[in-house]
């Protein structure tokens, strides 16, 4: 089972603070790959995770240096040392992600 297989074909992914929404599994997967590639030296810390049949709430922090492209609408610049705190709210249907809403707090710890 790959990450791709965990999302419904018509999944909706959004980050309201950044004003971005992506629709469809292939579009969402491309977005996630692009975003991950923009996080150089990423160090993830899981803060908490809670799940049931209908919803999963996953909270983590990630420390990284921003590559300069790949994270649309984030208040960061190329070379910044960034801490992103993200709460992922995943609504599930048949055990797969139907919607993913990311509540984010962006902090620049060291400007470029």
Protein backbone atom coordinates (compact mmCIF):
# COMPACT_ATOMS: atom_id res chain seq x y z
CA UNK A 1 0.00 0.00 0.00
CA UNK A 2 1.62 3.26 -1.12
CA UNK A 3 0.86 6.77 0.10
CA UNK A 4 -0.89 7.36 -3.22
CA UNK A 5 -3.24 4.43 -2.56
CA UNK A 6 -4.31 5.97 0.76
CA UNK A 7 -6.06 8.85 -1.05
CA UNK A 8 -9.37 8.68 -2.92
CA UNK A 9 -9.30 9.52 -6.63
CA UNK A 10 -11.29 12.74 -5.96
CA UNK A 11 -9.44 13.82 -2.79
CA UNK A 12 -9.42 17.49 -1.79
CA UNK A 13 -6.26 18.87 -0.09
CA UNK A 14 -6.17 22.39 1.36
CA UNK A 15 -4.08 24.73 3.46
CA UNK A 16 -6.47 27.62 4.27
CA UNK A 17 -3.84 29.94 5.78
CA UNK A 18 -1.96 29.86 2.45
CA UNK A 19 -5.15 29.97 0.40
CA UNK A 20 -4.33 26.83 -1.58
CA UNK A 21 -6.54 23.91 -2.56
CA UNK A 22 -5.75 20.94 -4.78
CA UNK A 23 -8.30 18.53 -6.21
CA UNK A 24 -7.73 14.95 -7.42
CA UNK A 25 -5.27 12.28 -6.32
CA UNK A 26 -2.67 12.87 -9.07
CA UNK A 27 -2.67 16.65 -8.49
CA UNK A 28 -2.41 16.17 -4.71
CA UNK A 29 0.44 13.64 -5.06
CA UNK A 30 2.38 15.99 -7.36
CA UNK A 31 1.85 18.81 -4.85
CA UNK A 32 3.06 16.72 -1.90
CA UNK A 33 6.20 15.61 -3.77
CA UNK A 34 6.97 19.20 -4.79
CA UNK A 35 6.43 20.46 -1.24
CA UNK A 36 8.64 17.74 0.29
CA UNK A 37 11.41 18.50 -2.21
CA UNK A 38 11.38 22.15 -1.05
CA UNK A 39 12.21 21.12 2.54
CA UNK A 40 15.99 20.64 2.67
CA UNK A 41 17.29 18.69 5.67
CA UNK A 42 13.77 18.17 7.03
CA UNK A 43 13.56 16.98 10.64
CA UNK A 44 10.06 15.84 11.63
CA UNK A 45 8.74 15.63 15.20
CA UNK A 46 5.35 13.98 15.65
CA UNK A 47 3.40 15.78 18.35
CA UNK A 48 0.24 13.64 18.41
CA UNK A 49 -1.98 11.47 16.28
CA UNK A 50 -5.55 10.36 16.90
CA UNK A 51 -7.70 8.33 14.52
CA UNK A 52 -11.00 6.56 14.18
CA UNK A 53 -12.93 5.17 11.21
CA UNK A 54 -14.08 8.60 10.03
CA UNK A 55 -11.18 10.94 10.79
CA UNK A 56 -7.49 11.14 11.59
CA UNK A 57 -5.85 14.14 13.23
CA UNK A 58 -2.08 14.18 12.82
CA UNK A 59 0.00 16.97 14.36
CA UNK A 60 3.70 17.47 13.78
CA UNK A 61 6.46 20.04 13.54
CA UNK A 62 9.11 20.07 10.83
CA UNK A 63 12.34 22.04 10.84
CA UNK A 64 13.92 22.65 7.42
CA UNK A 65 15.75 25.06 5.16
CA UNK A 66 13.50 26.30 2.36
CA UNK A 67 14.83 25.55 -1.12
CA UNK A 68 13.03 28.58 -2.55
CA UNK A 69 10.36 26.93 -4.68
CA UNK A 70 7.66 24.36 -4.06
CA UNK A 71 5.56 25.70 -1.18
CA UNK A 72 2.92 28.00 -2.61
CA UNK A 73 1.77 30.90 -0.46
CA UNK A 74 4.06 30.25 2.52
CA UNK A 75 5.50 33.37 4.22
CA UNK A 76 9.09 32.18 3.74
CA UNK A 77 12.04 32.92 1.44
CA UNK A 78 14.77 30.83 -0.15
CA UNK A 79 17.41 29.84 2.39
CA UNK A 80 15.28 30.56 5.47
CA UNK A 81 15.50 28.13 8.39
CA UNK A 82 11.83 27.36 8.98
CA UNK A 83 9.71 25.64 11.57
CA UNK A 84 6.32 24.54 10.30
CA UNK A 85 3.74 23.32 12.79
CA UNK A 86 0.99 21.48 10.95
CA UNK A 87 -2.23 19.85 12.08
CA UNK A 88 -3.53 17.54 9.36
CA UNK A 89 -7.24 16.81 9.57
CA UNK A 90 -7.98 13.85 7.35
CA UNK A 91 -11.60 12.93 6.71
CA UNK A 92 -11.84 9.29 5.70
CA UNK A 93 -14.25 7.40 3.50
CA UNK A 94 -13.88 3.65 3.22
CA UNK A 95 -10.52 3.87 4.98
CA UNK A 96 -9.10 6.34 2.43
CA UNK A 97 -8.51 10.09 2.63
CA UNK A 98 -11.41 12.06 1.11
CA UNK A 99 -10.30 15.49 2.36
CA UNK A 100 -7.11 16.70 4.00
CA UNK A 101 -7.11 20.12 5.63
CA UNK A 102 -3.80 21.44 6.93
CA UNK A 103 -3.83 24.04 9.69
CA UNK A 104 -0.37 25.61 9.65
CA UNK A 105 1.81 27.94 11.68
CA UNK A 106 4.94 29.15 9.92
CA UNK A 107 7.97 30.52 11.82
CA UNK A 108 11.22 31.76 10.30
CA UNK A 109 13.88 30.89 12.88
CA UNK A 110 16.82 32.25 10.90
CA UNK A 111 16.31 34.40 7.79
CA UNK A 112 18.50 33.69 4.76
